[in-house]
Amino acid sequence: PARLALLLGNETYADAVGRLKNPKNDVRVVGEALKKIGFKDPTIRTDQKRSQILNAVNQFASRLADAGAGAIGFLYYSGHGAAEPGGATNYLIPTDATDPTTAEFWYSSVKLDEVTRILRERAPNAAHFVVFDACRNELKLPDKTPGKGFAAVPQLSGMFVAFATDPGRTASDAGVTSGPYAAALAANIIKPGLAHWDVFQNV
């Protein structure tokens, strides 16, 4: 079956949000590992605005649908992400969301639920992996307690969703050549003979 990947790496944020140093390294490292296990020419997009993220996800879902039944999709996001304070909705934060002190910040972001819905609806016959390497401790939310970690989500039929950290916790961007989660992911997905849940348990 066809193996297709979309890798999104956002790091050049407004100073008010908090710049990151490794998402572009992360998508490169994970992309190289995916090539070794049969994902040909992973699509890499960096420093994406809200409209660009949604366009990339829609195009990716269309490619998966065109690939036919049994296609495998791997969507990896590295960058800022958070759960809206007081809510249970996870967000991918695009580079054009610039002021985390306003409600508009969340309206300008992309709901993780929106991403998974697009994949399920447009490519229902594909198997989907969605990896959310986000919830950075560098995110400058006005309230330091809620919001930075992700909210737990139910697993969806035909879709495996993985997070770089536990619910309510933050993830690190530290590392010389990539962030720690990307390094662990890249090292483990190329190991032969492991079921996907074993791979992610190891990660």
C-alpha atoms as a PDB file:
ATOM      1  CA  PRO A   1       0.000   0.000   0.000  1.00  0.00           C
ATOM      2  CA  ALA A   2       1.013   3.612  -0.591  1.00  0.00           C
ATOM      3  CA  ARG A   3       2.736   5.413   2.260  1.00  0.00           C
ATOM      4  CA  LEU A   4       2.362   9.190   2.313  1.00  0.00           C
ATOM      5  CA  ALA A   5       3.609  11.700   4.874  1.00  0.00           C
ATOM      6  CA  LEU A   6       3.022  15.359   5.663  1.00  0.00           C
ATOM      7  CA  LEU A   7       5.451  17.031   8.053  1.00  0.00           C
ATOM      8  CA  LEU A   8       4.712  20.489   9.447  1.00  0.00           C
ATOM      9  CA  GLY A   9       7.377  22.425  11.361  1.00  0.00           C
ATOM     10  CA  ASN A  10       6.615  25.851  12.824  1.00  0.00           C
ATOM     11  CA  GLU A  11       9.357  27.732  14.635  1.00  0.00           C
ATOM     12  CA  THR A  12       9.486  31.380  13.498  1.00  0.00           C
ATOM     13  CA  TYR A  13       6.814  32.821  15.758  1.00  0.00           C
ATOM     14  CA  ALA A  14       6.254  36.368  16.944  1.00  0.00           C
ATOM     15  CA  ASP A  15       8.288  37.226  20.024  1.00  0.00           C
ATOM     16  CA  ALA A  16       5.043  37.533  21.998  1.00  0.00           C
ATOM     17  CA  VAL A  17       4.355  33.852  21.302  1.00  0.00           C
ATOM     18  CA  GLY A  18       7.881  32.516  21.710  1.00  0.00           C
ATOM     19  CA  ARG A  19      10.332  31.407  19.032  1.00  0.00           C
ATOM     20  CA  LEU A  20      11.478  27.792  18.795  1.00  0.00           C
ATOM     21  CA  LYS A  21      14.763  26.426  17.486  1.00  0.00           C
ATOM     22  CA  ASN A  22      14.124  22.816  16.464  1.00  0.00           C
ATOM     23  CA  PRO A  23      10.861  22.237  14.526  1.00  0.00           C
ATOM     24  CA  LYS A  24      12.594  22.579  11.132  1.00  0.00           C
ATOM     25  CA  ASN A  25      15.226  20.114  12.341  1.00  0.00           C
ATOM     26  CA  ASP A  26      12.462  17.865  13.663  1.00  0.00           C
ATOM     27  CA  VAL A  27      10.640  17.550  10.338  1.00  0.00           C
ATOM     28  CA  ARG A  28      13.924  16.880   8.559  1.00  0.00           C
ATOM     29  CA  VAL A  29      14.971  14.130  10.997  1.00  0.00           C
ATOM     30  CA  VAL A  30      11.557  12.459  11.039  1.00  0.00           C
ATOM     31  CA  GLY A  31      11.268  12.790   7.258  1.00  0.00           C
ATOM     32  CA  GLU A  32      14.576  11.014   6.699  1.00  0.00           C
ATOM     33  CA  ALA A  33      13.474   8.163   8.987  1.00  0.00           C
ATOM     34  CA  LEU A  34      10.154   7.834   7.171  1.00  0.00           C
ATOM     35  CA  LYS A  35      11.963   7.528   3.839  1.00  0.00           C
ATOM     36  CA  LYS A  36      13.804   4.498   5.221  1.00  0.00           C
ATOM     37  CA  ILE A  37      10.523   2.672   5.854  1.00  0.00           C
ATOM     38  CA  GLY A  38       8.881   3.313   2.522  1.00  0.00           C
ATOM     39  CA  PHE A  39       7.399   6.792   2.742  1.00  0.00           C
ATOM     40  CA  LYS A  40       8.531   8.276  -0.565  1.00  0.00           C
ATOM     41  CA  ASP A  41       9.178  12.010  -0.769  1.00  0.00           C
ATOM     42  CA  PRO A  42       7.470  13.175   2.436  1.00  0.00           C
ATOM     43  CA  THR A  43       5.909  16.613   2.030  1.00  0.00           C
ATOM     44  CA  ILE A  44       7.566  19.135   4.348  1.00  0.00           C
ATOM     45  CA  ARG A  45       6.067  22.532   5.103  1.00  0.00           C
ATOM     46  CA  THR A  46       7.601  25.018   7.543  1.00  0.00           C
ATOM     47  CA  ASP A  47       6.474  28.246   9.219  1.00  0.00           C
ATOM     48  CA  GLN A  48       2.884  27.809   8.135  1.00  0.00           C
ATOM     49  CA  LYS A  49       0.016  30.231   8.627  1.00  0.00           C
ATOM     50  CA  ARG A  50      -3.457  28.968   9.516  1.00  0.00           C
ATOM     51  CA  SER A  51      -4.671  28.891   5.904  1.00  0.00           C
ATOM     52  CA  GLN A  52      -1.498  27.134   4.774  1.00  0.00           C
ATOM     53  CA  ILE A  53      -1.846  24.409   7.415  1.00  0.00           C
ATOM     54  CA  LEU A  54      -5.445  23.708   6.431  1.00  0.00           C
ATOM     55  CA  ASN A  55      -4.579  23.752   2.732  1.00  0.00           C
ATOM     56  CA  ALA A  56      -1.690  21.342   3.270  1.00  0.00           C
ATOM     57  CA  VAL A  57      -3.872  18.957   5.303  1.00  0.00           C
ATOM     58  CA  ASN A  58      -6.638  19.024   2.692  1.00  0.00           C
ATOM     59  CA  GLN A  59      -4.171  18.333  -0.132  1.00  0.00           C
ATOM     60  CA  PHE A  60      -2.620  15.527   1.893  1.00  0.00           C
ATOM     61  CA  ALA A  61      -6.028  13.950   2.547  1.00  0.00           C
ATOM     62  CA  SER A  62      -6.849  14.130  -1.169  1.00  0.00           C
ATOM     63  CA  ARG A  63      -3.596  12.392  -2.054  1.00  0.00           C
ATOM     64  CA  LEU A  64      -4.378   9.651   0.469  1.00  0.00           C
ATOM     65  CA  ALA A  65      -7.845   9.200  -0.989  1.00  0.00           C
ATOM     66  CA  ASP A  66      -6.410   8.977  -4.513  1.00  0.00           C
ATOM     67  CA  ALA A  67      -3.885   6.368  -3.337  1.00  0.00           C
ATOM     68  CA  GLY A  68      -6.722   3.907  -2.754  1.00  0.00           C
ATOM     69  CA  ALA A  69      -7.768   1.573   0.033  1.00  0.00           C
ATOM     70  CA  GLY A  70      -5.020   0.554   2.418  1.00  0.00           C
ATOM     71  CA  ALA A  71      -2.984   3.749   2.033  1.00  0.00           C
ATOM     72  CA  ILE A  72      -1.077   4.794   5.132  1.00  0.00           C
ATOM     73  CA  GLY A  73      -0.837   8.450   6.093  1.00  0.00           C
ATOM     74  CA  PHE A  74       1.632   9.902   8.583  1.00  0.00           C
ATOM     75  CA  LEU A  75       1.043  13.494   9.652  1.00  0.00           C
ATOM     76  CA  TYR A  76       3.637  14.973  11.995  1.00  0.00           C
ATOM     77  CA  TYR A  77       3.425  18.447  13.518  1.00  0.00           C
ATOM     78  CA  SER A  78       6.261  20.105  15.413  1.00  0.00           C
ATOM     79  CA  GLY A  79       5.745  23.581  16.807  1.00  0.00           C
ATOM     80  CA  HIS A  80       3.675  25.398  19.368  1.00  0.00           C
ATOM     81  CA  GLY A  81       0.441  23.772  20.419  1.00  0.00           C
ATOM     82  CA  ALA A  82      -1.782  23.960  23.449  1.00  0.00           C
ATOM     83  CA  ALA A  83      -5.188  23.292  24.900  1.00  0.00           C
ATOM     84  CA  GLU A  84      -7.303  26.425  25.191  1.00  0.00           C
ATOM     85  CA  PRO A  85      -7.400  27.447  28.873  1.00  0.00           C
ATOM     86  CA  GLY A  86     -10.586  26.183  30.471  1.00  0.00           C
ATOM     87  CA  GLY A  87     -11.399  23.899  27.557  1.00  0.00           C
ATOM     88  CA  ALA A  88     -10.639  20.467  26.184  1.00  0.00           C
ATOM     89  CA  THR A  89      -9.725  21.531  22.646  1.00  0.00           C
ATOM     90  CA  ASN A  90      -6.161  21.100  21.372  1.00  0.00           C
ATOM     91  CA  TYR A  91      -4.714  23.597  18.921  1.00  0.00           C
ATOM     92  CA  LEU A  92      -1.851  23.712  16.440  1.00  0.00           C
ATOM     93  CA  ILE A  93      -0.586  27.272  16.616  1.00  0.00           C
ATOM     94  CA  PRO A  94       0.285  28.788  13.220  1.00  0.00           C
ATOM     95  CA  THR A  95       2.854  31.507  12.731  1.00  0.00           C
ATOM     96  CA  ASP A  96       0.223  34.169  12.057  1.00  0.00           C
ATOM     97  CA  ALA A  97      -1.324  33.757  15.527  1.00  0.00           C
ATOM     98  CA  THR A  98       0.581  36.558  17.198  1.00  0.00           C
ATOM     99  CA  ASP A  99      -0.984  37.656  20.494  1.00  0.00           C
ATOM    100  CA  PRO A 100      -1.663  34.942  23.082  1.00  0.00           C
ATOM    101  CA  THR A 101      -3.284  37.454  25.444  1.00  0.00           C
ATOM    102  CA  THR A 102      -6.393  37.734  23.214  1.00  0.00           C
ATOM    103  CA  ALA A 103      -9.289  35.440  22.308  1.00  0.00           C
ATOM    104  CA  GLU A 104      -8.359  36.013  18.663  1.00  0.00           C
ATOM    105  CA  PHE A 105      -5.218  33.955  19.263  1.00  0.00           C
ATOM    106  CA  TRP A 106      -7.330  30.812  19.568  1.00  0.00           C
ATOM    107  CA  TYR A 107      -9.593  31.746  16.651  1.00  0.00           C
ATOM    108  CA  SER A 108      -6.442  32.163  14.542  1.00  0.00           C
ATOM    109  CA  SER A 109      -5.176  28.707  15.501  1.00  0.00           C
ATOM    110  CA  VAL A 110      -6.064  25.302  14.049  1.00  0.00           C
ATOM    111  CA  LYS A 111      -8.033  22.798  16.094  1.00  0.00           C
ATOM    112  CA  LEU A 112      -6.445  19.351  16.154  1.00  0.00           C
ATOM    113  CA  ASP A 113     -10.009  18.016  15.849  1.00  0.00           C
ATOM    114  CA  GLU A 114     -10.310  19.909  12.573  1.00  0.00           C
ATOM    115  CA  VAL A 115      -7.197  18.214  11.225  1.00  0.00           C
ATOM    116  CA  THR A 116      -8.349  14.723  12.194  1.00  0.00           C
ATOM    117  CA  ARG A 117     -11.840  15.382  10.806  1.00  0.00           C
ATOM    118  CA  ILE A 118     -10.439  16.398   7.416  1.00  0.00           C
ATOM    119  CA  LEU A 119      -8.353  13.228   7.264  1.00  0.00           C
ATOM    120  CA  ARG A 120     -11.208  10.930   8.288  1.00  0.00           C
ATOM    121  CA  GLU A 121     -13.786  12.507   6.000  1.00  0.00           C
ATOM    122  CA  ARG A 122     -11.651  12.968   2.899  1.00  0.00           C
ATOM    123  CA  ALA A 123      -9.633   9.746   3.160  1.00  0.00           C
ATOM    124  CA  PRO A 124     -11.871   7.335   5.098  1.00  0.00           C
ATOM    125  CA  ASN A 125     -10.210   4.212   3.696  1.00  0.00           C
ATOM    126  CA  ALA A 126      -6.683   5.163   4.742  1.00  0.00           C
ATOM    127  CA  ALA A 127      -4.946   4.306   8.004  1.00  0.00           C
ATOM    128  CA  HIS A 128      -3.870   7.527   9.710  1.00  0.00           C
ATOM    129  CA  PHE A 129      -1.056   8.339  12.104  1.00  0.00           C
ATOM    130  CA  VAL A 130      -1.189  11.839  13.592  1.00  0.00           C
ATOM    131  CA  VAL A 131       1.740  12.907  15.766  1.00  0.00           C
ATOM    132  CA  PHE A 132       1.431  16.124  17.783  1.00  0.00           C
ATOM    133  CA  ASP A 133       4.954  17.123  18.890  1.00  0.00           C
ATOM    134  CA  ALA A 134       3.878  20.343  20.526  1.00  0.00           C
ATOM    135  CA  CYS A 135       2.808  21.859  23.869  1.00  0.00           C
ATOM    136  CA  ARG A 136       6.163  23.616  24.175  1.00  0.00           C
ATOM    137  CA  ASN A 137       7.217  25.032  27.508  1.00  0.00           C
ATOM    138  CA  GLU A 138       8.437  28.099  25.557  1.00  0.00           C
ATOM    139  CA  LEU A 139       4.870  29.151  24.712  1.00  0.00           C
ATOM    140  CA  LYS A 140       4.183  32.531  26.312  1.00  0.00           C
ATOM    141  CA  LEU A 141       0.578  32.190  27.471  1.00  0.00           C
ATOM    142  CA  PRO A 142      -0.483  34.867  29.941  1.00  0.00           C
ATOM    143  CA  ASP A 143      -1.539  32.282  32.533  1.00  0.00           C
ATOM    144  CA  LYS A 144       1.328  29.867  33.090  1.00  0.00           C
ATOM    145  CA  THR A 145      -0.780  27.105  34.637  1.00  0.00           C
ATOM    146  CA  PRO A 146      -3.550  25.962  32.268  1.00  0.00           C
ATOM    147  CA  GLY A 147      -3.414  25.580  28.540  1.00  0.00           C
ATOM    148  CA  LYS A 148       0.168  24.687  27.728  1.00  0.00           C
ATOM    149  CA  GLY A 149      -0.307  20.948  27.953  1.00  0.00           C
ATOM    150  CA  PHE A 150      -2.701  19.086  25.716  1.00  0.00           C
ATOM    151  CA  ALA A 151      -6.113  17.721  26.645  1.00  0.00           C
ATOM    152  CA  ALA A 152      -6.560  13.953  26.357  1.00  0.00           C
ATOM    153  CA  VAL A 153      -8.497  12.823  23.286  1.00  0.00           C
ATOM    154  CA  PRO A 154     -10.305   9.543  22.540  1.00  0.00           C
ATOM    155  CA  GLN A 155      -8.733   7.287  19.949  1.00  0.00           C
ATOM    156  CA  LEU A 156     -10.609   7.339  16.657  1.00  0.00           C
ATOM    157  CA  SER A 157     -11.354   4.400  14.388  1.00  0.00           C
ATOM    158  CA  GLY A 158      -8.671   4.037  11.723  1.00  0.00           C
ATOM    159  CA  MET A 159      -6.523   6.715  13.353  1.00  0.00           C
ATOM    160  CA  PHE A 160      -3.664   6.615  15.853  1.00  0.00           C
ATOM    161  CA  VAL A 161      -2.997   9.932  17.587  1.00  0.00           C
ATOM    162  CA  ALA A 162       0.267  10.360  19.498  1.00  0.00           C
ATOM    163  CA  PHE A 163       1.452  13.239  21.678  1.00  0.00           C
ATOM    164  CA  ALA A 164       4.952  14.245  22.722  1.00  0.00           C
ATOM    165  CA  THR A 165       3.961  14.545  26.368  1.00  0.00           C
ATOM    166  CA  ASP A 166       1.417  13.467  28.963  1.00  0.00           C
ATOM    167  CA  PRO A 167      -1.907  15.315  29.350  1.00  0.00           C
ATOM    168  CA  GLY A 168      -1.402  18.679  31.022  1.00  0.00           C
ATOM    169  CA  ARG A 169       2.387  18.531  30.673  1.00  0.00           C
ATOM    170  CA  THR A 170       4.745  20.450  28.411  1.00  0.00           C
ATOM    171  CA  ALA A 171       7.331  19.153  25.928  1.00  0.00           C
ATOM    172  CA  SER A 172      10.913  20.262  25.411  1.00  0.00           C
ATOM    173  CA  ASP A 173      12.429  21.924  22.339  1.00  0.00           C
ATOM    174  CA  ALA A 174      15.974  21.338  23.621  1.00  0.00           C
ATOM    175  CA  GLY A 175      18.479  19.482  21.465  1.00  0.00           C
ATOM    176  CA  VAL A 176      21.392  20.081  19.124  1.00  0.00           C
ATOM    177  CA  THR A 177      20.094  18.438  15.941  1.00  0.00           C
ATOM    178  CA  SER A 178      16.392  18.056  16.835  1.00  0.00           C
ATOM    179  CA  GLY A 179      13.995  18.072  19.753  1.00  0.00           C
ATOM    180  CA  PRO A 180      14.042  14.998  22.031  1.00  0.00           C
ATOM    181  CA  TYR A 181      10.717  13.579  20.865  1.00  0.00           C
ATOM    182  CA  ALA A 182      11.634  13.826  17.180  1.00  0.00           C
ATOM    183  CA  ALA A 183      14.950  12.092  17.871  1.00  0.00           C
ATOM    184  CA  ALA A 184      13.239   9.240  19.735  1.00  0.00           C
ATOM    185  CA  LEU A 185      10.547   8.932  17.053  1.00  0.00           C
ATOM    186  CA  ALA A 186      13.077   8.805  14.220  1.00  0.00           C
ATOM    187  CA  ALA A 187      15.156   6.190  16.025  1.00  0.00           C
ATOM    188  CA  ASN A 188      12.229   3.907  16.789  1.00  0.00           C
ATOM    189  CA  ILE A 189      10.121   3.963  13.630  1.00  0.00           C
ATOM    190  CA  ILE A 190      12.962   2.403  11.621  1.00  0.00           C
ATOM    191  CA  LYS A 191      13.263  -0.608  13.950  1.00  0.00           C
ATOM    192  CA  PRO A 192      11.955  -3.715  12.163  1.00  0.00           C
ATOM    193  CA  GLY A 193       9.297  -6.100  13.386  1.00  0.00           C
ATOM    194  CA  LEU A 194       7.452  -3.805  15.808  1.00  0.00           C
ATOM    195  CA  ALA A 195       3.726  -3.092  15.846  1.00  0.00           C
ATOM    196  CA  HIS A 196       2.888   0.602  15.839  1.00  0.00           C
ATOM    197  CA  TRP A 197       1.768   0.632  19.480  1.00  0.00           C
ATOM    198  CA  ASP A 198       5.116  -0.884  20.478  1.00  0.00           C
ATOM    199  CA  VAL A 199       6.955   1.777  18.492  1.00  0.00           C
ATOM    200  CA  PHE A 200       5.119   4.616  20.202  1.00  0.00           C
ATOM    201  CA  GLN A 201       5.374   2.989  23.618  1.00  0.00           C
ATOM    202  CA  ASN A 202       9.137   2.890  23.095  1.00  0.00           C
ATOM    203  CA  VAL A 203       9.165   6.521  21.953  1.00  0.00           C
END
